[in-house]
Structures are given as C-alpha cells and as structure tokens.
Amino acid sequence: GIPPKKNRIISQGKVGIDIGVSTVAVCSDTALILEKLAPDVRRYNRKIASIQRYMDRSKRHSNPQYYDPAGRIKKGKKHWIYSNGYRKAHRQLKSTYASKALYIQNCHEQLSNRILELGDEVVVEHMNFKGLQKKAKKTERKSTPIMIKGKPVYPYKRKKRFGKSLNDRAPASLISIIDRKLHYEEKEIHKVNPMKYRASQYHHDTNEYVKHKLHERWKTIEGHQVQRDLYSGFLLMNCNDTYRQPDQSTCLKQFSSFLSMHTDLIQNMKNQHISCRACFGF
C-alpha cells in the first residue's frame, strides 16, 4: 500500500539521469551531481573476502582427507566436518552480506531524495542491467597481437562483463526507488530508448551523432571540454515533448548555465581529491 505522506521535498522541473554500471550523473536547471554509487561498499567486500579465506582454511584443516596434494577437492561422496569456528564465521558472513545490502539501500534512498529535490520530471535511459551481468557466449580473439618469443599471438577476449560491479552498486535499485517515490506523488519516471535517443553520441552544437569509445570520458561541445556523463544527463533533461530525442533549441539556450555549473562541480571534486580516471576521466 501507499505509506502515510511525509514532508518530502520534491521540486518541480526536469531532471536528466545518466545511470552507469557504478556511477550516476544527474543534471537539472539548478545543480549537477556526479558520483559513485555506494562509494564505501568495498570495505564490506574486504571483510567478506577475509571471512571466506578463514572458512576455507578451517574447512581444509578439518577435512584433509578430501583434498589431493595439489589442494584440489577429490571426487566422490563426502561427509564434511565443520568446526565451531567455521560455523561462527558462517554466521558472520551472512550478517556481513545483510549489512552490505542495507548499506547500498540506504545510500540509494539518500541519493534519490537529493535527486527529487531537483525536480519531479525525471528522464533516464532504459538500461538492460540483466544483460550486462551475463558473460559473453562467443569466444573471440583480440585484433591487436602481442609478441611472444618473436611471434605475434592474438590473445582471447575476456568473457566477463559487469556482474561484480552491478552486485556492488545496484544501479537498477536506484531507478526503482526513484520511481517508487514518484508514484507516491502520482507521477512516474520517464525511460527513453537508448538505441534511438543516443545521448552519449549526440552533439547539440552540430546536431550530429558521433560515436565515442568507452574510455573517452570527455567531449568537445561549442569549443568547451565537458564530462561525457554529465553532458548525457544534460541532453536527457532537455528532451522534447515525446521523449524520443533531445531538443536542440533548448540545449542551445541552457548550455551556458550548464557549463558554469559543470566547471564549478569538476573543480570542487578535484579540490576534494574525488577522482576516478576510468569513470570520471580525471
């Protein structure tokens, strides 16, 4: 059901959200947001890994007959013996997993409140996060060779995708939380088709679509260098009435204001030593 109404601060206006695997960029008329999702989640991962290593050592110590000299588990039926220390560590592991999930949820709840303070007409690209979790099915080789003993060798491409990052950051959960809170106000989030909208490729100054590689985190717009994710949020905010493509005339009017906020945000992040070269580009 719908809970009792709280004194939620939801402003009126458009907000563009460029959601990534581990980061989010938000653009509105009054403010910009660029940050990692659940920034301190790695400390839970370190604790989980430490507990799992202890459990593995304890299991091997209690059941040496089930391992071969190379440390691999032998085939066949087994009756594992678990020590009291192992059982206690297993309870700690479950508790740490629960704490990690609660931390991610709390971060998303707070971030969603900050986003809804900027506007109530939220526009975001529809992302298939389930597809990003799966490994690639095809086995392919890289086009660039490496030299081994004087001979060119074409190594295999990695089949891994973004399963670990999605487990740590849960970007789909943030979108669902925003949508839930908008429904309390009888509104909903607007999801655009990324294959048709193409916010990461559009240049409003030339009205052209230009493909960029994933590692290129900055774009040149009207002679200025802008961060790619923030600019995508800017284009999503300035969509037309059909939510199918950016409105070029609105982008031309709003770009000077966006550029001023963009410069201040990037400079503040650098002053606070908030950086991530792979995600933010600095």
C-alpha atoms as a PDB file:
ATOM      1  CA  GLY A   1       0.000   0.000   0.000  1.00  0.00           C
ATOM      2  CA  ILE A   2       0.910   3.683  -0.018  1.00  0.00           C
ATOM      3  CA  PRO A   3       2.544   4.787   3.248  1.00  0.00           C
ATOM      4  CA  PRO A   4       1.492   7.970   5.089  1.00  0.00           C
ATOM      5  CA  LYS A   5       2.716  11.096   3.316  1.00  0.00           C
ATOM      6  CA  LYS A   6       5.885  12.581   4.737  1.00  0.00           C
ATOM      7  CA  ASN A   7       7.191  16.098   4.270  1.00  0.00           C
ATOM      8  CA  ARG A   8       9.119  15.095   1.172  1.00  0.00           C
ATOM      9  CA  ILE A   9      10.919  17.880  -0.660  1.00  0.00           C
ATOM     10  CA  ILE A  10      10.056  17.278  -4.326  1.00  0.00           C
ATOM     11  CA  SER A  11      10.619  20.259  -6.580  1.00  0.00           C
ATOM     12  CA  GLN A  12       9.089  20.873  -9.984  1.00  0.00           C
ATOM     13  CA  GLY A  13      11.273  20.694 -13.072  1.00  0.00           C
ATOM     14  CA  LYS A  14      13.095  18.341 -15.378  1.00  0.00           C
ATOM     15  CA  VAL A  15      15.974  16.139 -14.235  1.00  0.00           C
ATOM     16  CA  GLY A  16      18.180  14.058 -16.529  1.00  0.00           C
ATOM     17  CA  ILE A  17      19.912  10.989 -15.099  1.00  0.00           C
ATOM     18  CA  ASP A  18      22.725   9.198 -16.920  1.00  0.00           C
ATOM     19  CA  ILE A  19      22.982   5.941 -14.987  1.00  0.00           C
ATOM     20  CA  GLY A  20      26.041   3.751 -15.405  1.00  0.00           C
ATOM     21  CA  VAL A  21      27.259   0.461 -14.036  1.00  0.00           C
ATOM     22  CA  SER A  22      28.892   2.060 -10.995  1.00  0.00           C
ATOM     23  CA  THR A  23      28.311   5.826 -11.333  1.00  0.00           C
ATOM     24  CA  VAL A  24      25.463   8.272 -11.780  1.00  0.00           C
ATOM     25  CA  ALA A  25      25.361  11.722 -13.370  1.00  0.00           C
ATOM     26  CA  VAL A  26      22.392  13.999 -12.654  1.00  0.00           C
ATOM     27  CA  CYS A  27      21.600  17.279 -14.361  1.00  0.00           C
ATOM     28  CA  SER A  28      18.922  19.860 -13.570  1.00  0.00           C
ATOM     29  CA  ASP A  29      18.437  23.597 -14.007  1.00  0.00           C
ATOM     30  CA  THR A  30      19.916  24.333 -10.583  1.00  0.00           C
ATOM     31  CA  ALA A  31      22.556  21.676  -9.801  1.00  0.00           C
ATOM     32  CA  LEU A  32      24.674  18.782 -11.067  1.00  0.00           C
ATOM     33  CA  ILE A  33      25.596  15.506  -9.372  1.00  0.00           C
ATOM     34  CA  LEU A  34      28.436  13.199 -10.398  1.00  0.00           C
ATOM     35  CA  GLU A  35      29.447  10.439  -8.008  1.00  0.00           C
ATOM     36  CA  LYS A  36      29.916   6.729  -7.460  1.00  0.00           C
ATOM     37  CA  LEU A  37      27.032   4.612  -6.270  1.00  0.00           C
ATOM     38  CA  ALA A  38      27.517   3.250  -2.734  1.00  0.00           C
ATOM     39  CA  PRO A  39      31.087   4.612  -2.552  1.00  0.00           C
ATOM     40  CA  ASP A  40      32.235   2.647   0.541  1.00  0.00           C
ATOM     41  CA  VAL A  41      30.891  -0.757  -0.482  1.00  0.00           C
ATOM     42  CA  ARG A  42      34.405  -2.151  -0.993  1.00  0.00           C
ATOM     43  CA  ARG A  43      35.038  -2.278   2.762  1.00  0.00           C
ATOM     44  CA  TYR A  44      32.265  -4.866   3.046  1.00  0.00           C
ATOM     45  CA  ASN A  45      33.849  -6.842   0.201  1.00  0.00           C
ATOM     46  CA  ARG A  46      37.204  -6.878   2.023  1.00  0.00           C
ATOM     47  CA  LYS A  47      35.537  -8.186   5.182  1.00  0.00           C
ATOM     48  CA  ILE A  48      33.636 -10.840   3.197  1.00  0.00           C
ATOM     49  CA  ALA A  49      36.825 -11.997   1.476  1.00  0.00           C
ATOM     50  CA  SER A  50      38.651 -12.228   4.822  1.00  0.00           C
ATOM     51  CA  ILE A  51      35.885 -14.362   6.353  1.00  0.00           C
ATOM     52  CA  GLN A  52      35.756 -16.611   3.296  1.00  0.00           C
ATOM     53  CA  ARG A  53      39.514 -17.203   3.434  1.00  0.00           C
ATOM     54  CA  TYR A  54      39.242 -18.183   7.117  1.00  0.00           C
ATOM     55  CA  MET A  55      36.353 -20.548   6.340  1.00  0.00           C
ATOM     56  CA  ASP A  56      38.339 -22.210   3.570  1.00  0.00           C
ATOM     57  CA  ARG A  57      41.380 -22.713   5.832  1.00  0.00           C
ATOM     58  CA  SER A  58      39.188 -24.130   8.597  1.00  0.00           C
ATOM     59  CA  LYS A  59      37.415 -26.487   6.203  1.00  0.00           C
ATOM     60  CA  ARG A  60      40.695 -27.787   4.821  1.00  0.00           C
ATOM     61  CA  HIS A  61      42.131 -28.272   8.312  1.00  0.00           C
ATOM     62  CA  SER A  62      39.067 -30.251   9.459  1.00  0.00           C
ATOM     63  CA  ASN A  63      38.835 -32.381   6.288  1.00  0.00           C
ATOM     64  CA  PRO A  64      42.381 -33.058   4.976  1.00  0.00           C
ATOM     65  CA  GLN A  65      41.334 -36.451   3.554  1.00  0.00           C
ATOM     66  CA  TYR A  66      39.134 -34.799   0.918  1.00  0.00           C
ATOM     67  CA  TYR A  67      41.966 -32.799  -0.741  1.00  0.00           C
ATOM     68  CA  ASP A  68      44.705 -34.022  -3.066  1.00  0.00           C
ATOM     69  CA  PRO A  69      48.381 -32.891  -2.760  1.00  0.00           C
ATOM     70  CA  ALA A  70      47.661 -30.010  -5.168  1.00  0.00           C
ATOM     71  CA  GLY A  71      44.925 -28.670  -2.854  1.00  0.00           C
ATOM     72  CA  ARG A  72      42.032 -29.655  -5.111  1.00  0.00           C
ATOM     73  CA  ILE A  73      38.882 -31.361  -3.826  1.00  0.00           C
ATOM     74  CA  LYS A  74      38.755 -35.072  -4.601  1.00  0.00           C
ATOM     75  CA  LYS A  75      35.828 -36.611  -6.453  1.00  0.00           C
ATOM     76  CA  GLY A  76      33.237 -38.759  -4.716  1.00  0.00           C
ATOM     77  CA  LYS A  77      30.764 -38.579  -1.863  1.00  0.00           C
ATOM     78  CA  LYS A  78      31.905 -36.698   1.237  1.00  0.00           C
ATOM     79  CA  HIS A  79      30.767 -36.079   4.794  1.00  0.00           C
ATOM     80  CA  TRP A  80      32.216 -32.684   5.673  1.00  0.00           C
ATOM     81  CA  ILE A  81      33.144 -31.853   9.258  1.00  0.00           C
ATOM     82  CA  TYR A  82      32.664 -28.216  10.294  1.00  0.00           C
ATOM     83  CA  SER A  83      34.314 -26.783  13.385  1.00  0.00           C
ATOM     84  CA  ASN A  84      32.611 -24.383  15.763  1.00  0.00           C
ATOM     85  CA  GLY A  85      34.855 -21.616  14.445  1.00  0.00           C
ATOM     86  CA  TYR A  86      33.681 -22.354  10.913  1.00  0.00           C
ATOM     87  CA  ARG A  87      30.025 -22.181  11.964  1.00  0.00           C
ATOM     88  CA  LYS A  88      30.594 -18.884  13.760  1.00  0.00           C
ATOM     89  CA  ALA A  89      32.360 -17.450  10.693  1.00  0.00           C
ATOM     90  CA  HIS A  90      29.456 -18.598   8.522  1.00  0.00           C
ATOM     91  CA  ARG A  91      27.037 -16.616  10.694  1.00  0.00           C
ATOM     92  CA  GLN A  92      29.336 -13.590  10.471  1.00  0.00           C
ATOM     93  CA  LEU A  93      29.405 -13.968   6.681  1.00  0.00           C
ATOM     94  CA  LYS A  94      25.613 -13.923   6.438  1.00  0.00           C
ATOM     95  CA  SER A  95      25.477 -10.875   8.709  1.00  0.00           C
ATOM     96  CA  THR A  96      28.075  -9.044   6.599  1.00  0.00           C
ATOM     97  CA  TYR A  97      26.131  -9.753   3.409  1.00  0.00           C
ATOM     98  CA  ALA A  98      22.998  -8.346   5.062  1.00  0.00           C
ATOM     99  CA  SER A  99      24.897  -5.250   6.250  1.00  0.00           C
ATOM    100  CA  LYS A 100      26.249  -4.693   2.739  1.00  0.00           C
ATOM    101  CA  ALA A 101      22.769  -4.865   1.214  1.00  0.00           C
ATOM    102  CA  LEU A 102      21.409  -2.474   3.840  1.00  0.00           C
ATOM    103  CA  TYR A 103      24.257  -0.007   3.244  1.00  0.00           C
ATOM    104  CA  ILE A 104      23.590   0.023  -0.515  1.00  0.00           C
ATOM    105  CA  GLN A 105      19.867   0.554   0.066  1.00  0.00           C
ATOM    106  CA  ASN A 106      20.486   3.435   2.492  1.00  0.00           C
ATOM    107  CA  CYS A 107      22.852   5.140   0.027  1.00  0.00           C
ATOM    108  CA  HIS A 108      20.278   4.859  -2.749  1.00  0.00           C
ATOM    109  CA  GLU A 109      17.461   6.152  -0.540  1.00  0.00           C
ATOM    110  CA  GLN A 110      19.500   9.243   0.387  1.00  0.00           C
ATOM    111  CA  LEU A 111      20.642   9.847  -3.198  1.00  0.00           C
ATOM    112  CA  SER A 112      17.077   9.508  -4.503  1.00  0.00           C
ATOM    113  CA  ASN A 113      15.937  12.201  -2.050  1.00  0.00           C
ATOM    114  CA  ARG A 114      18.675  14.533  -3.310  1.00  0.00           C
ATOM    115  CA  ILE A 115      17.643  13.889  -6.915  1.00  0.00           C
ATOM    116  CA  LEU A 116      13.943  14.515  -6.252  1.00  0.00           C
ATOM    117  CA  GLU A 117      14.841  17.808  -4.566  1.00  0.00           C
ATOM    118  CA  LEU A 118      15.988  18.957  -8.012  1.00  0.00           C
ATOM    119  CA  GLY A 119      12.813  18.099  -9.947  1.00  0.00           C
ATOM    120  CA  ASP A 120       9.860  15.768 -10.359  1.00  0.00           C
ATOM    121  CA  GLU A 121      10.067  15.062 -14.125  1.00  0.00           C
ATOM    122  CA  VAL A 122      12.867  12.502 -14.178  1.00  0.00           C
ATOM    123  CA  VAL A 123      14.209  11.257 -17.524  1.00  0.00           C
ATOM    124  CA  VAL A 124      16.580   8.291 -17.757  1.00  0.00           C
ATOM    125  CA  GLU A 125      17.728   5.869 -20.435  1.00  0.00           C
ATOM    126  CA  HIS A 126      16.287   2.368 -20.128  1.00  0.00           C
ATOM    127  CA  MET A 127      19.230   0.043 -19.378  1.00  0.00           C
ATOM    128  CA  ASN A 128      19.182  -3.747 -19.578  1.00  0.00           C
ATOM    129  CA  PHE A 129      21.272  -4.463 -16.474  1.00  0.00           C
ATOM    130  CA  LYS A 130      20.372  -8.158 -16.601  1.00  0.00           C
ATOM    131  CA  GLY A 131      22.104  -8.401 -19.960  1.00  0.00           C
ATOM    132  CA  LEU A 132      25.194  -6.634 -18.612  1.00  0.00           C
ATOM    133  CA  GLN A 133      25.541  -9.276 -15.873  1.00  0.00           C
ATOM    134  CA  LYS A 134      25.917 -12.196 -18.275  1.00  0.00           C
ATOM    135  CA  LYS A 135      29.205 -13.349 -19.684  1.00  0.00           C
ATOM    136  CA  ALA A 136      29.786 -13.265 -23.421  1.00  0.00           C
ATOM    137  CA  LYS A 137      28.848 -16.513 -25.165  1.00  0.00           C
ATOM    138  CA  LYS A 138      31.179 -16.257 -28.152  1.00  0.00           C
ATOM    139  CA  THR A 139      34.876 -16.986 -27.842  1.00  0.00           C
ATOM    140  CA  GLU A 140      36.758 -14.320 -29.763  1.00  0.00           C
ATOM    141  CA  ARG A 141      40.334 -13.145 -30.119  1.00  0.00           C
ATOM    142  CA  LYS A 142      41.615  -9.590 -29.965  1.00  0.00           C
ATOM    143  CA  SER A 143      42.515  -7.839 -33.197  1.00  0.00           C
ATOM    144  CA  THR A 144      45.806  -6.499 -31.778  1.00  0.00           C
ATOM    145  CA  PRO A 145      48.541  -9.149 -31.365  1.00  0.00           C
ATOM    146  CA  ILE A 146      51.178  -9.404 -28.634  1.00  0.00           C
ATOM    147  CA  MET A 147      54.704 -10.614 -29.306  1.00  0.00           C
ATOM    148  CA  ILE A 148      55.732 -13.860 -27.582  1.00  0.00           C
ATOM    149  CA  LYS A 149      59.229 -15.162 -28.421  1.00  0.00           C
ATOM    150  CA  GLY A 150      59.262 -13.016 -31.531  1.00  0.00           C
ATOM    151  CA  LYS A 151      55.943 -14.324 -32.848  1.00  0.00           C
ATOM    152  CA  PRO A 152      52.614 -12.430 -32.923  1.00  0.00           C
ATOM    153  CA  VAL A 153      49.905 -14.045 -30.792  1.00  0.00           C
ATOM    154  CA  TYR A 154      46.277 -12.924 -30.740  1.00  0.00           C
ATOM    155  CA  PRO A 155      45.010 -13.362 -27.154  1.00  0.00           C
ATOM    156  CA  TYR A 156      41.415 -14.235 -26.314  1.00  0.00           C
ATOM    157  CA  LYS A 157      38.970 -11.506 -25.317  1.00  0.00           C
ATOM    158  CA  ARG A 158      37.642 -11.547 -21.787  1.00  0.00           C
ATOM    159  CA  LYS A 159      34.161 -13.001 -21.446  1.00  0.00           C
ATOM    160  CA  LYS A 160      33.464 -11.248 -18.165  1.00  0.00           C
ATOM    161  CA  ARG A 161      31.109  -8.284 -18.153  1.00  0.00           C
ATOM    162  CA  PHE A 162      29.859  -6.147 -15.245  1.00  0.00           C
ATOM    163  CA  GLY A 163      28.382  -8.707 -12.853  1.00  0.00           C
ATOM    164  CA  LYS A 164      30.595  -7.792  -9.897  1.00  0.00           C
ATOM    165  CA  SER A 165      30.127  -4.034 -10.305  1.00  0.00           C
ATOM    166  CA  LEU A 166      26.360  -4.425 -10.610  1.00  0.00           C
ATOM    167  CA  ASN A 167      26.311  -6.540  -7.450  1.00  0.00           C
ATOM    168  CA  ASP A 168      28.263  -3.867  -5.569  1.00  0.00           C
ATOM    169  CA  ARG A 169      26.493  -0.751  -6.902  1.00  0.00           C
ATOM    170  CA  ALA A 170      22.928  -1.916  -7.770  1.00  0.00           C
ATOM    171  CA  PRO A 171      22.090   0.897 -10.241  1.00  0.00           C
ATOM    172  CA  ALA A 172      18.717  -0.660 -11.133  1.00  0.00           C
ATOM    173  CA  SER A 173      17.706  -0.425  -7.478  1.00  0.00           C
ATOM    174  CA  LEU A 174      18.272   3.362  -7.511  1.00  0.00           C
ATOM    175  CA  ILE A 175      15.979   3.781 -10.520  1.00  0.00           C
ATOM    176  CA  SER A 176      13.256   1.653  -8.906  1.00  0.00           C
ATOM    177  CA  ILE A 177      13.487   3.669  -5.659  1.00  0.00           C
ATOM    178  CA  ILE A 178      13.085   6.967  -7.548  1.00  0.00           C
ATOM    179  CA  ASP A 179      10.135   5.551  -9.470  1.00  0.00           C
ATOM    180  CA  ARG A 180       8.519   4.335  -6.231  1.00  0.00           C
ATOM    181  CA  LYS A 181       8.801   7.740  -4.595  1.00  0.00           C
ATOM    182  CA  LEU A 182       7.407   9.475  -7.679  1.00  0.00           C
ATOM    183  CA  HIS A 183       4.397   7.163  -7.614  1.00  0.00           C
ATOM    184  CA  TYR A 184       3.577   8.493  -4.140  1.00  0.00           C
ATOM    185  CA  GLU A 185       3.030  11.860  -5.874  1.00  0.00           C
ATOM    186  CA  GLU A 186       1.069  10.190  -8.733  1.00  0.00           C
ATOM    187  CA  LYS A 187       3.964  10.609 -11.141  1.00  0.00           C
ATOM    188  CA  GLU A 188       6.435   8.251 -12.769  1.00  0.00           C
ATOM    189  CA  ILE A 189       9.930   8.152 -14.167  1.00  0.00           C
ATOM    190  CA  HIS A 190      10.312   8.569 -17.936  1.00  0.00           C
ATOM    191  CA  LYS A 191      12.510   5.926 -19.586  1.00  0.00           C
ATOM    192  CA  VAL A 192      13.770   6.633 -23.113  1.00  0.00           C
ATOM    193  CA  ASN A 193      15.064   4.143 -25.653  1.00  0.00           C
ATOM    194  CA  PRO A 194      18.894   4.412 -25.659  1.00  0.00           C
ATOM    195  CA  MET A 195      19.140   2.971 -29.190  1.00  0.00           C
ATOM    196  CA  LYS A 196      17.046   5.834 -30.578  1.00  0.00           C
ATOM    197  CA  TYR A 197      17.848   8.659 -28.153  1.00  0.00           C
ATOM    198  CA  ARG A 198      21.648   8.068 -28.177  1.00  0.00           C
ATOM    199  CA  ALA A 199      22.513  10.672 -25.559  1.00  0.00           C
ATOM    200  CA  SER A 200      26.165   9.542 -25.457  1.00  0.00           C
ATOM    201  CA  GLN A 201      26.596  10.306 -29.189  1.00  0.00           C
ATOM    202  CA  TYR A 202      24.603  13.497 -29.779  1.00  0.00           C
ATOM    203  CA  HIS A 203      26.278  16.920 -30.223  1.00  0.00           C
ATOM    204  CA  HIS A 204      23.726  19.699 -29.936  1.00  0.00           C
ATOM    205  CA  ASP A 205      26.018  22.342 -31.463  1.00  0.00           C
ATOM    206  CA  THR A 206      26.334  20.468 -34.782  1.00  0.00           C
ATOM    207  CA  ASN A 207      23.088  18.451 -34.487  1.00  0.00           C
ATOM    208  CA  GLU A 208      25.056  15.287 -35.328  1.00  0.00           C
ATOM    209  CA  TYR A 209      25.575  11.868 -33.761  1.00  0.00           C
ATOM    210  CA  VAL A 210      29.239  10.932 -33.253  1.00  0.00           C
ATOM    211  CA  LYS A 211      30.293   7.577 -31.828  1.00  0.00           C
ATOM    212  CA  HIS A 212      32.835   7.630 -28.990  1.00  0.00           C
ATOM    213  CA  LYS A 213      34.828   4.825 -27.452  1.00  0.00           C
ATOM    214  CA  LEU A 214      34.036   3.815 -23.892  1.00  0.00           C
ATOM    215  CA  HIS A 215      37.334   5.142 -22.482  1.00  0.00           C
ATOM    216  CA  GLU A 216      36.719   8.624 -23.954  1.00  0.00           C
ATOM    217  CA  ARG A 217      35.164  10.367 -20.969  1.00  0.00           C
ATOM    218  CA  TRP A 218      35.280  13.962 -22.325  1.00  0.00           C
ATOM    219  CA  LYS A 219      33.651  15.616 -25.338  1.00  0.00           C
ATOM    220  CA  THR A 220      34.217  18.936 -27.109  1.00  0.00           C
ATOM    221  CA  ILE A 221      30.971  20.906 -27.309  1.00  0.00           C
ATOM    222  CA  GLU A 222      30.909  24.500 -28.612  1.00  0.00           C
ATOM    223  CA  GLY A 223      34.673  24.589 -28.140  1.00  0.00           C
ATOM    224  CA  HIS A 224      34.499  23.522 -24.472  1.00  0.00           C
ATOM    225  CA  GLN A 225      35.565  20.244 -22.856  1.00  0.00           C
ATOM    226  CA  VAL A 226      32.645  18.670 -20.968  1.00  0.00           C
ATOM    227  CA  GLN A 227      32.427  15.460 -18.981  1.00  0.00           C
ATOM    228  CA  ARG A 228      30.614  12.826 -21.022  1.00  0.00           C
ATOM    229  CA  ASP A 229      28.205  11.526 -18.360  1.00  0.00           C
ATOM    230  CA  LEU A 230      27.187  14.992 -17.198  1.00  0.00           C
ATOM    231  CA  TYR A 231      26.583  16.058 -20.786  1.00  0.00           C
ATOM    232  CA  SER A 232      24.418  12.966 -21.361  1.00  0.00           C
ATOM    233  CA  GLY A 233      22.360  13.966 -18.315  1.00  0.00           C
ATOM    234  CA  PHE A 234      22.079  17.474 -19.790  1.00  0.00           C
ATOM    235  CA  LEU A 235      20.731  16.051 -23.076  1.00  0.00           C
ATOM    236  CA  LEU A 236      18.247  13.824 -21.232  1.00  0.00           C
ATOM    237  CA  MET A 237      16.995  16.810 -19.245  1.00  0.00           C
ATOM    238  CA  ASN A 238      16.448  18.790 -22.464  1.00  0.00           C
ATOM    239  CA  CYS A 239      14.399  16.182 -24.311  1.00  0.00           C
ATOM    240  CA  ASN A 240      11.419  17.086 -26.480  1.00  0.00           C
ATOM    241  CA  ASP A 241       7.778  16.525 -25.544  1.00  0.00           C
ATOM    242  CA  THR A 242       7.765  12.993 -26.992  1.00  0.00           C
ATOM    243  CA  TYR A 243      10.866  11.879 -25.019  1.00  0.00           C
ATOM    244  CA  ARG A 244      12.372  10.500 -28.238  1.00  0.00           C
ATOM    245  CA  GLN A 245      15.258  12.897 -28.933  1.00  0.00           C
ATOM    246  CA  PRO A 246      16.973  15.984 -27.474  1.00  0.00           C
ATOM    247  CA  ASP A 247      15.530  19.404 -28.219  1.00  0.00           C
ATOM    248  CA  GLN A 248      18.355  21.300 -29.929  1.00  0.00           C
ATOM    249  CA  SER A 249      16.900  24.788 -29.362  1.00  0.00           C
ATOM    250  CA  THR A 250      16.519  24.150 -25.621  1.00  0.00           C
ATOM    251  CA  CYS A 251      20.050  22.750 -25.428  1.00  0.00           C
ATOM    252  CA  LEU A 252      21.465  25.881 -27.090  1.00  0.00           C
ATOM    253  CA  LYS A 253      19.670  28.100 -24.552  1.00  0.00           C
ATOM    254  CA  GLN A 254      20.622  26.076 -21.466  1.00  0.00           C
ATOM    255  CA  PHE A 255      24.224  25.193 -22.344  1.00  0.00           C
ATOM    256  CA  SER A 256      25.858  28.326 -20.882  1.00  0.00           C
ATOM    257  CA  SER A 257      24.192  27.698 -17.497  1.00  0.00           C
ATOM    258  CA  PHE A 258      25.152  24.016 -17.634  1.00  0.00           C
ATOM    259  CA  LEU A 259      28.755  24.881 -18.493  1.00  0.00           C
ATOM    260  CA  SER A 260      29.065  27.189 -15.479  1.00  0.00           C
ATOM    261  CA  MET A 261      27.744  24.536 -13.074  1.00  0.00           C
ATOM    262  CA  HIS A 262      29.883  21.890 -14.799  1.00  0.00           C
ATOM    263  CA  THR A 263      33.103  23.893 -14.292  1.00  0.00           C
ATOM    264  CA  ASP A 264      32.334  24.530 -10.607  1.00  0.00           C
ATOM    265  CA  LEU A 265      31.475  20.872  -9.923  1.00  0.00           C
ATOM    266  CA  ILE A 266      34.601  19.473 -11.576  1.00  0.00           C
ATOM    267  CA  GLN A 267      36.826  21.980  -9.785  1.00  0.00           C
ATOM    268  CA  ASN A 268      35.234  21.180  -6.398  1.00  0.00           C
ATOM    269  CA  MET A 269      35.700  17.455  -6.976  1.00  0.00           C
ATOM    270  CA  LYS A 270      39.364  17.984  -7.829  1.00  0.00           C
ATOM    271  CA  ASN A 271      39.871  20.171  -4.755  1.00  0.00           C
ATOM    272  CA  GLN A 272      38.358  17.414  -2.579  1.00  0.00           C
ATOM    273  CA  HIS A 273      40.519  14.772  -4.341  1.00  0.00           C
ATOM    274  CA  ILE A 274      37.423  12.932  -5.623  1.00  0.00           C
ATOM    275  CA  SER A 275      38.578  11.208  -8.779  1.00  0.00           C
ATOM    276  CA  CYS A 276      38.216   8.029 -10.801  1.00  0.00           C
ATOM    277  CA  ARG A 277      40.036   8.008 -14.108  1.00  0.00           C
ATOM    278  CA  ALA A 278      38.081   5.083 -15.601  1.00  0.00           C
ATOM    279  CA  CYS A 279      34.652   6.524 -14.693  1.00  0.00           C
ATOM    280  CA  PHE A 280      35.052  10.303 -14.467  1.00  0.00           C
ATOM    281  CA  GLY A 281      38.095  10.832 -16.700  1.00  0.00           C
ATOM    282  CA  PHE A 282      40.164  12.704 -14.068  1.00  0.00           C
END
